[in-house]
Amino acid sequence: MEANFKVLEQFLFDSGLKHSDFYVITIYKSSIRLQGEFDRQIGLSASKYGDGKLTSDSGYVEFNFQYNGANIDITLT
């Protein structure tokens, strides 16, 4: 999990995002999950790494991609 913490730090640095852009950050052994309010700039930054998918039933955008060996899931509501 410590490796994923370092990956998270590197991802935030590379993407220009901040910890404070998200209200929940969860680090698992094989993945990192970030949740935040929908914000245009956050969505644009996340879209550099993977396509966002709008879920029609719940109205949130989800980005799933691999970054430096870790699965990253960003959910914006």
PDB file of N, CA and C in Angstrom:
ATOM      1  N   MET A   1       0.812  -1.196   0.000  1.00  0.00           N
ATOM      2  CA  MET A   1       0.000   0.000   0.000  1.00  0.00           C
ATOM      3  C   MET A   1       0.857   1.262   0.000  1.00  0.00           C
ATOM      4  N   GLU A   2       2.025   1.182   0.594  1.00  0.00           N
ATOM      5  CA  GLU A   2       2.888   2.363   0.589  1.00  0.00           C
ATOM      6  C   GLU A   2       3.284   2.743  -0.833  1.00  0.00           C
ATOM      7  N   ALA A   3       3.463   1.739  -1.686  1.00  0.00           N
ATOM      8  CA  ALA A   3       3.782   2.020  -3.084  1.00  0.00           C
ATOM      9  C   ALA A   3       2.641   2.802  -3.743  1.00  0.00           C
ATOM     10  N   ASN A   4       1.396   2.436  -3.432  1.00  0.00           N
ATOM     11  CA  ASN A   4       0.266   3.159  -4.008  1.00  0.00           C
ATOM     12  C   ASN A   4       0.168   4.582  -3.461  1.00  0.00           C
ATOM     13  N   PHE A   5       0.608   4.795  -2.225  1.00  0.00           N
ATOM     14  CA  PHE A   5       0.635   6.157  -1.689  1.00  0.00           C
ATOM     15  C   PHE A   5       1.597   7.014  -2.499  1.00  0.00           C
ATOM     16  N   LYS A   6       2.740   6.462  -2.848  1.00  0.00           N
ATOM     17  CA  LYS A   6       3.716   7.185  -3.670  1.00  0.00           C
ATOM     18  C   LYS A   6       3.166   7.417  -5.075  1.00  0.00           C
ATOM     19  N   VAL A   7       2.456   6.428  -5.620  1.00  0.00           N
ATOM     20  CA  VAL A   7       1.835   6.588  -6.937  1.00  0.00           C
ATOM     21  C   VAL A   7       0.797   7.706  -6.880  1.00  0.00           C
ATOM     22  N   LEU A   8       0.014   7.753  -5.814  1.00  0.00           N
ATOM     23  CA  LEU A   8      -0.982   8.813  -5.654  1.00  0.00           C
ATOM     24  C   LEU A   8      -0.309  10.181  -5.637  1.00  0.00           C
ATOM     25  N   GLU A   9       0.737  10.321  -4.858  1.00  0.00           N
ATOM     26  CA  GLU A   9       1.466  11.592  -4.792  1.00  0.00           C
ATOM     27  C   GLU A   9       1.986  11.989  -6.178  1.00  0.00           C
ATOM     28  N   GLN A  10       2.534  11.029  -6.915  1.00  0.00           N
ATOM     29  CA  GLN A  10       3.064  11.320  -8.244  1.00  0.00           C
ATOM     30  C   GLN A  10       1.937  11.687  -9.204  1.00  0.00           C
ATOM     31  N   PHE A  11       0.814  10.968  -9.124  1.00  0.00           N
ATOM     32  CA  PHE A  11      -0.329  11.272  -9.987  1.00  0.00           C
ATOM     33  C   PHE A  11      -0.853  12.684  -9.736  1.00  0.00           C
ATOM     34  N   LEU A  12      -1.021  13.043  -8.475  1.00  0.00           N
ATOM     35  CA  LEU A  12      -1.511  14.385  -8.164  1.00  0.00           C
ATOM     36  C   LEU A  12      -0.544  15.450  -8.675  1.00  0.00           C
ATOM     37  N   PHE A  13       0.742  15.221  -8.521  1.00  0.00           N
ATOM     38  CA  PHE A  13       1.738  16.164  -9.016  1.00  0.00           C
ATOM     39  C   PHE A  13       1.667  16.284 -10.540  1.00  0.00           C
ATOM     40  N   ASP A  14       1.670  15.142 -11.236  1.00  0.00           N
ATOM     41  CA  ASP A  14       1.655  15.144 -12.704  1.00  0.00           C
ATOM     42  C   ASP A  14       0.377  15.744 -13.281  1.00  0.00           C
ATOM     43  N   SER A  15      -0.751  15.482 -12.630  1.00  0.00           N
ATOM     44  CA  SER A  15      -2.034  15.943 -13.164  1.00  0.00           C
ATOM     45  C   SER A  15      -2.363  17.384 -12.785  1.00  0.00           C
ATOM     46  N   GLY A  16      -1.651  17.918 -11.794  1.00  0.00           N
ATOM     47  CA  GLY A  16      -1.942  19.266 -11.333  1.00  0.00           C
ATOM     48  C   GLY A  16      -3.112  19.319 -10.359  1.00  0.00           C
ATOM     49  N   LEU A  17      -3.588  18.157  -9.926  1.00  0.00           N
ATOM     50  CA  LEU A  17      -4.675  18.099  -8.952  1.00  0.00           C
ATOM     51  C   LEU A  17      -4.107  18.151  -7.535  1.00  0.00           C
ATOM     52  N   LYS A  18      -4.984  18.408  -6.556  1.00  0.00           N
ATOM     53  CA  LYS A  18      -4.562  18.484  -5.158  1.00  0.00           C
ATOM     54  C   LYS A  18      -5.408  17.530  -4.320  1.00  0.00           C
ATOM     55  N   HIS A  19      -4.888  17.166  -3.156  1.00  0.00           N
ATOM     56  CA  HIS A  19      -5.672  16.341  -2.233  1.00  0.00           C
ATOM     57  C   HIS A  19      -7.010  17.001  -1.934  1.00  0.00           C
ATOM     58  N   SER A  20      -6.999  18.315  -1.802  1.00  0.00           N
ATOM     59  CA  SER A  20      -8.217  19.045  -1.422  1.00  0.00           C
ATOM     60  C   SER A  20      -9.269  19.079  -2.535  1.00  0.00           C
ATOM     61  N   ASP A  21      -8.938  18.626  -3.749  1.00  0.00           N
ATOM     62  CA  ASP A  21      -9.928  18.540  -4.835  1.00  0.00           C
ATOM     63  C   ASP A  21     -10.910  17.397  -4.596  1.00  0.00           C
ATOM     64  N   PHE A  22     -10.602  16.524  -3.653  1.00  0.00           N
ATOM     65  CA  PHE A  22     -11.411  15.332  -3.405  1.00  0.00           C
ATOM     66  C   PHE A  22     -11.844  15.289  -1.949  1.00  0.00           C
ATOM     67  N   TYR A  23     -13.042  14.798  -1.703  1.00  0.00           N
ATOM     68  CA  TYR A  23     -13.487  14.681  -0.320  1.00  0.00           C
ATOM     69  C   TYR A  23     -13.229  13.306   0.257  1.00  0.00           C
ATOM     70  N   VAL A  24     -12.926  12.309  -0.578  1.00  0.00           N
ATOM     71  CA  VAL A  24     -12.533  10.979  -0.096  1.00  0.00           C
ATOM     72  C   VAL A  24     -11.419  10.459  -1.000  1.00  0.00           C
ATOM     73  N   ILE A  25     -10.339  10.005  -0.394  1.00  0.00           N
ATOM     74  CA  ILE A  25      -9.264   9.316  -1.102  1.00  0.00           C
ATOM     75  C   ILE A  25      -9.021   8.017  -0.345  1.00  0.00           C
ATOM     76  N   THR A  26      -9.180   6.895  -1.041  1.00  0.00           N
ATOM     77  CA  THR A  26      -8.992   5.588  -0.422  1.00  0.00           C
ATOM     78  C   THR A  26      -7.889   4.861  -1.171  1.00  0.00           C
ATOM     79  N   ILE A  27      -6.925   4.352  -0.433  1.00  0.00           N
ATOM     80  CA  ILE A  27      -5.819   3.613  -1.035  1.00  0.00           C
ATOM     81  C   ILE A  27      -5.962   2.150  -0.650  1.00  0.00           C
ATOM     82  N   TYR A  28      -6.132   1.315  -1.661  1.00  0.00           N
ATOM     83  CA  TYR A  28      -6.207  -0.130  -1.463  1.00  0.00           C
ATOM     84  C   TYR A  28      -4.889  -0.750  -1.926  1.00  0.00           C
ATOM     85  N   LYS A  29      -4.749  -2.028  -1.693  1.00  0.00           N
ATOM     86  CA  LYS A  29      -3.522  -2.735  -2.083  1.00  0.00           C
ATOM     87  C   LYS A  29      -3.298  -2.665  -3.602  1.00  0.00           C
ATOM     88  N   SER A  30      -4.374  -2.777  -4.374  1.00  0.00           N
ATOM     89  CA  SER A  30      -4.210  -2.812  -5.829  1.00  0.00           C
ATOM     90  C   SER A  30      -4.856  -1.639  -6.553  1.00  0.00           C
ATOM     91  N   SER A  31      -5.401  -0.660  -5.821  1.00  0.00           N
ATOM     92  CA  SER A  31      -6.047   0.461  -6.500  1.00  0.00           C
ATOM     93  C   SER A  31      -6.113   1.694  -5.604  1.00  0.00           C
ATOM     94  N   ILE A  32      -6.438   2.800  -6.244  1.00  0.00           N
ATOM     95  CA  ILE A  32      -6.614   4.079  -5.562  1.00  0.00           C
ATOM     96  C   ILE A  32      -7.956   4.638  -6.011  1.00  0.00           C
ATOM     97  N   ARG A  33      -8.776   5.064  -5.065  1.00  0.00           N
ATOM     98  CA  ARG A  33     -10.104   5.603  -5.379  1.00  0.00           C
ATOM     99  C   ARG A  33     -10.191   7.031  -4.859  1.00  0.00           C
ATOM    100  N   LEU A  34     -10.586   7.945  -5.753  1.00  0.00           N
ATOM    101  CA  LEU A  34     -10.737   9.345  -5.395  1.00  0.00           C
ATOM    102  C   LEU A  34     -12.170   9.768  -5.698  1.00  0.00           C
ATOM    103  N   GLN A  35     -12.801  10.470  -4.761  1.00  0.00           N
ATOM    104  CA  GLN A  35     -14.171  10.929  -4.953  1.00  0.00           C
ATOM    105  C   GLN A  35     -14.239  12.420  -4.667  1.00  0.00           C
ATOM    106  N   GLY A  36     -14.952  13.142  -5.528  1.00  0.00           N
ATOM    107  CA  GLY A  36     -15.088  14.574  -5.337  1.00  0.00           C
ATOM    108  C   GLY A  36     -16.302  15.116  -6.070  1.00  0.00           C
ATOM    109  N   GLU A  37     -16.547  16.398  -5.865  1.00  0.00           N
ATOM    110  CA  GLU A  37     -17.635  17.052  -6.570  1.00  0.00           C
ATOM    111  C   GLU A  37     -17.224  17.277  -8.008  1.00  0.00           C
ATOM    112  N   PHE A  38     -18.227  17.279  -8.891  1.00  0.00           N
ATOM    113  CA  PHE A  38     -17.889  17.521 -10.288  1.00  0.00           C
ATOM    114  C   PHE A  38     -17.423  18.951 -10.451  1.00  0.00           C
ATOM    115  N   ASP A  39     -16.265  19.074 -11.031  1.00  0.00           N
ATOM    116  CA  ASP A  39     -15.648  20.366 -11.312  1.00  0.00           C
ATOM    117  C   ASP A  39     -15.019  20.245 -12.689  1.00  0.00           C
ATOM    118  N   ARG A  40     -15.229  21.246 -13.517  1.00  0.00           N
ATOM    119  CA  ARG A  40     -14.741  21.186 -14.894  1.00  0.00           C
ATOM    120  C   ARG A  40     -13.229  20.931 -14.942  1.00  0.00           C
ATOM    121  N   GLN A  41     -12.466  21.648 -14.136  1.00  0.00           N
ATOM    122  CA  GLN A  41     -11.012  21.504 -14.168  1.00  0.00           C
ATOM    123  C   GLN A  41     -10.564  20.118 -13.725  1.00  0.00           C
ATOM    124  N   ILE A  42     -11.202  19.570 -12.705  1.00  0.00           N
ATOM    125  CA  ILE A  42     -10.861  18.214 -12.264  1.00  0.00           C
ATOM    126  C   ILE A  42     -11.177  17.216 -13.374  1.00  0.00           C
ATOM    127  N   GLY A  43     -12.342  17.372 -14.006  1.00  0.00           N
ATOM    128  CA  GLY A  43     -12.724  16.491 -15.112  1.00  0.00           C
ATOM    129  C   GLY A  43     -11.748  16.575 -16.274  1.00  0.00           C
ATOM    130  N   LEU A  44     -11.325  17.783 -16.622  1.00  0.00           N
ATOM    131  CA  LEU A  44     -10.353  17.945 -17.706  1.00  0.00           C
ATOM    132  C   LEU A  44      -9.016  17.304 -17.358  1.00  0.00           C
ATOM    133  N   SER A  45      -8.579  17.478 -16.121  1.00  0.00           N
ATOM    134  CA  SER A  45      -7.311  16.863 -15.698  1.00  0.00           C
ATOM    135  C   SER A  45      -7.395  15.345 -15.720  1.00  0.00           C
ATOM    136  N   ALA A  46      -8.498  14.792 -15.233  1.00  0.00           N
ATOM    137  CA  ALA A  46      -8.670  13.333 -15.211  1.00  0.00           C
ATOM    138  C   ALA A  46      -8.796  12.768 -16.624  1.00  0.00           C
ATOM    139  N   SER A  47      -9.390  13.529 -17.538  1.00  0.00           N
ATOM    140  CA  SER A  47      -9.607  13.021 -18.902  1.00  0.00           C
ATOM    141  C   SER A  47      -8.305  12.867 -19.673  1.00  0.00           C
ATOM    142  N   LYS A  48      -7.213  13.427 -19.187  1.00  0.00           N
ATOM    143  CA  LYS A  48      -5.908  13.226 -19.826  1.00  0.00           C
ATOM    144  C   LYS A  48      -5.435  11.784 -19.669  1.00  0.00           C
ATOM    145  N   TYR A  49      -5.982  11.081 -18.673  1.00  0.00           N
ATOM    146  CA  TYR A  49      -5.531   9.733 -18.350  1.00  0.00           C
ATOM    147  C   TYR A  49      -6.520   8.644 -18.745  1.00  0.00           C
ATOM    148  N   GLY A  50      -7.775   9.008 -18.934  1.00  0.00           N
ATOM    149  CA  GLY A  50      -8.787   8.024 -19.307  1.00  0.00           C
ATOM    150  C   GLY A  50     -10.093   8.714 -19.637  1.00  0.00           C
ATOM    151  N   ASP A  51     -10.929   8.047 -20.407  1.00  0.00           N
ATOM    152  CA  ASP A  51     -12.225   8.603 -20.771  1.00  0.00           C
ATOM    153  C   ASP A  51     -13.184   8.544 -19.598  1.00  0.00           C
ATOM    154  N   GLY A  52     -13.922   9.614 -19.400  1.00  0.00           N
ATOM    155  CA  GLY A  52     -14.947   9.645 -18.370  1.00  0.00           C
ATOM    156  C   GLY A  52     -16.223   9.009 -18.882  1.00  0.00           C
ATOM    157  N   LYS A  53     -16.911   8.332 -18.014  1.00  0.00           N
ATOM    158  CA  LYS A  53     -18.183   7.702 -18.376  1.00  0.00           C
ATOM    159  C   LYS A  53     -19.266   8.277 -17.482  1.00  0.00           C
ATOM    160  N   LEU A  54     -20.302   8.816 -18.106  1.00  0.00           N
ATOM    161  CA  LEU A  54     -21.435   9.342 -17.357  1.00  0.00           C
ATOM    162  C   LEU A  54     -22.390   8.204 -17.082  1.00  0.00           C
ATOM    163  N   THR A  55     -22.735   8.020 -15.827  1.00  0.00           N
ATOM    164  CA  THR A  55     -23.705   6.982 -15.485  1.00  0.00           C
ATOM    165  C   THR A  55     -25.084   7.617 -15.493  1.00  0.00           C
ATOM    166  N   SER A  56     -25.923   7.135 -16.348  1.00  0.00           N
ATOM    167  CA  SER A  56     -27.234   7.751 -16.543  1.00  0.00           C
ATOM    168  C   SER A  56     -28.159   7.577 -15.350  1.00  0.00           C
ATOM    169  N   ASP A  57     -27.990   6.496 -14.602  1.00  0.00           N
ATOM    170  CA  ASP A  57     -28.910   6.250 -13.496  1.00  0.00           C
ATOM    171  C   ASP A  57     -28.586   7.052 -12.245  1.00  0.00           C
ATOM    172  N   SER A  58     -27.324   7.389 -12.028  1.00  0.00           N
ATOM    173  CA  SER A  58     -26.988   8.111 -10.800  1.00  0.00           C
ATOM    174  C   SER A  58     -26.420   9.507 -11.052  1.00  0.00           C
ATOM    175  N   GLY A  59     -26.099   9.834 -12.283  1.00  0.00           N
ATOM    176  CA  GLY A  59     -25.659  11.178 -12.618  1.00  0.00           C
ATOM    177  C   GLY A  59     -24.259  11.549 -12.183  1.00  0.00           C
ATOM    178  N   TYR A  60     -23.341  10.611 -12.143  1.00  0.00           N
ATOM    179  CA  TYR A  60     -21.964  10.961 -11.836  1.00  0.00           C
ATOM    180  C   TYR A  60     -21.047  10.530 -12.972  1.00  0.00           C
ATOM    181  N   VAL A  61     -19.849  11.106 -12.994  1.00  0.00           N
ATOM    182  CA  VAL A  61     -18.856  10.781 -14.012  1.00  0.00           C
ATOM    183  C   VAL A  61     -17.755   9.974 -13.349  1.00  0.00           C
ATOM    184  N   GLU A  62     -17.365   8.903 -14.022  1.00  0.00           N
ATOM    185  CA  GLU A  62     -16.350   8.022 -13.477  1.00  0.00           C
ATOM    186  C   GLU A  62     -15.215   7.856 -14.473  1.00  0.00           C
ATOM    187  N   PHE A  63     -13.990   7.961 -13.984  1.00  0.00           N
ATOM    188  CA  PHE A  63     -12.781   7.749 -14.781  1.00  0.00           C
ATOM    189  C   PHE A  63     -12.051   6.552 -14.185  1.00  0.00           C
ATOM    190  N   ASN A  64     -11.701   5.588 -15.027  1.00  0.00           N
ATOM    191  CA  ASN A  64     -10.929   4.418 -14.599  1.00  0.00           C
ATOM    192  C   ASN A  64      -9.732   4.282 -15.530  1.00  0.00           C
ATOM    193  N   PHE A  65      -8.546   4.181 -14.963  1.00  0.00           N
ATOM    194  CA  PHE A  65      -7.349   4.048 -15.787  1.00  0.00           C
ATOM    195  C   PHE A  65      -6.209   3.494 -14.953  1.00  0.00           C
ATOM    196  N   GLN A  66      -5.144   3.099 -15.637  1.00  0.00           N
ATOM    197  CA  GLN A  66      -3.924   2.633 -14.980  1.00  0.00           C
ATOM    198  C   GLN A  66      -2.911   3.763 -15.004  1.00  0.00           C
ATOM    199  N   TYR A  67      -2.234   3.939 -13.900  1.00  0.00           N
ATOM    200  CA  TYR A  67      -1.193   4.959 -13.809  1.00  0.00           C
ATOM    201  C   TYR A  67      -0.038   4.360 -13.004  1.00  0.00           C
ATOM    202  N   ASN A  68       1.107   4.248 -13.621  1.00  0.00           N
ATOM    203  CA  ASN A  68       2.298   3.695 -12.969  1.00  0.00           C
ATOM    204  C   ASN A  68       2.026   2.387 -12.225  1.00  0.00           C
ATOM    205  N   GLY A  69       1.261   1.515 -12.840  1.00  0.00           N
ATOM    206  CA  GLY A  69       0.991   0.195 -12.281  1.00  0.00           C
ATOM    207  C   GLY A  69      -0.165   0.112 -11.305  1.00  0.00           C
ATOM    208  N   ALA A  70      -0.797   1.228 -10.994  1.00  0.00           N
ATOM    209  CA  ALA A  70      -1.933   1.206 -10.065  1.00  0.00           C
ATOM    210  C   ALA A  70      -3.223   1.511 -10.832  1.00  0.00           C
ATOM    211  N   ASN A  71      -4.289   0.870 -10.436  1.00  0.00           N
ATOM    212  CA  ASN A  71      -5.621   1.175 -10.987  1.00  0.00           C
ATOM    213  C   ASN A  71      -6.147   2.397 -10.245  1.00  0.00           C
ATOM    214  N   ILE A  72      -6.530   3.412 -11.001  1.00  0.00           N
ATOM    215  CA  ILE A  72      -7.071   4.620 -10.393  1.00  0.00           C
ATOM    216  C   ILE A  72      -8.513   4.795 -10.839  1.00  0.00           C
ATOM    217  N   ASP A  73      -9.375   5.069  -9.870  1.00  0.00           N
ATOM    218  CA  ASP A  73     -10.797   5.281 -10.110  1.00  0.00           C
ATOM    219  C   ASP A  73     -11.152   6.649  -9.524  1.00  0.00           C
ATOM    220  N   ILE A  74     -11.580   7.563 -10.390  1.00  0.00           N
ATOM    221  CA  ILE A  74     -11.998   8.886  -9.949  1.00  0.00           C
ATOM    222  C   ILE A  74     -13.498   9.010 -10.205  1.00  0.00           C
ATOM    223  N   THR A  75     -14.256   9.342  -9.180  1.00  0.00           N
ATOM    224  CA  THR A  75     -15.701   9.516  -9.297  1.00  0.00           C
ATOM    225  C   THR A  75     -16.029  10.971  -8.923  1.00  0.00           C
ATOM    226  N   LEU A  76     -16.719  11.651  -9.829  1.00  0.00           N
ATOM    227  CA  LEU A  76     -17.138  13.033  -9.596  1.00  0.00           C
ATOM    228  C   LEU A  76     -18.659  13.082  -9.592  1.00  0.00           C
ATOM    229  N   THR A  77     -19.229  13.624  -8.527  1.00  0.00           N
ATOM    230  CA  THR A  77     -20.694  13.695  -8.415  1.00  0.00           C
ATOM    231  C   THR A  77     -21.186  15.121  -8.431  1.00  0.00           C
TER     232      THR A  77
END
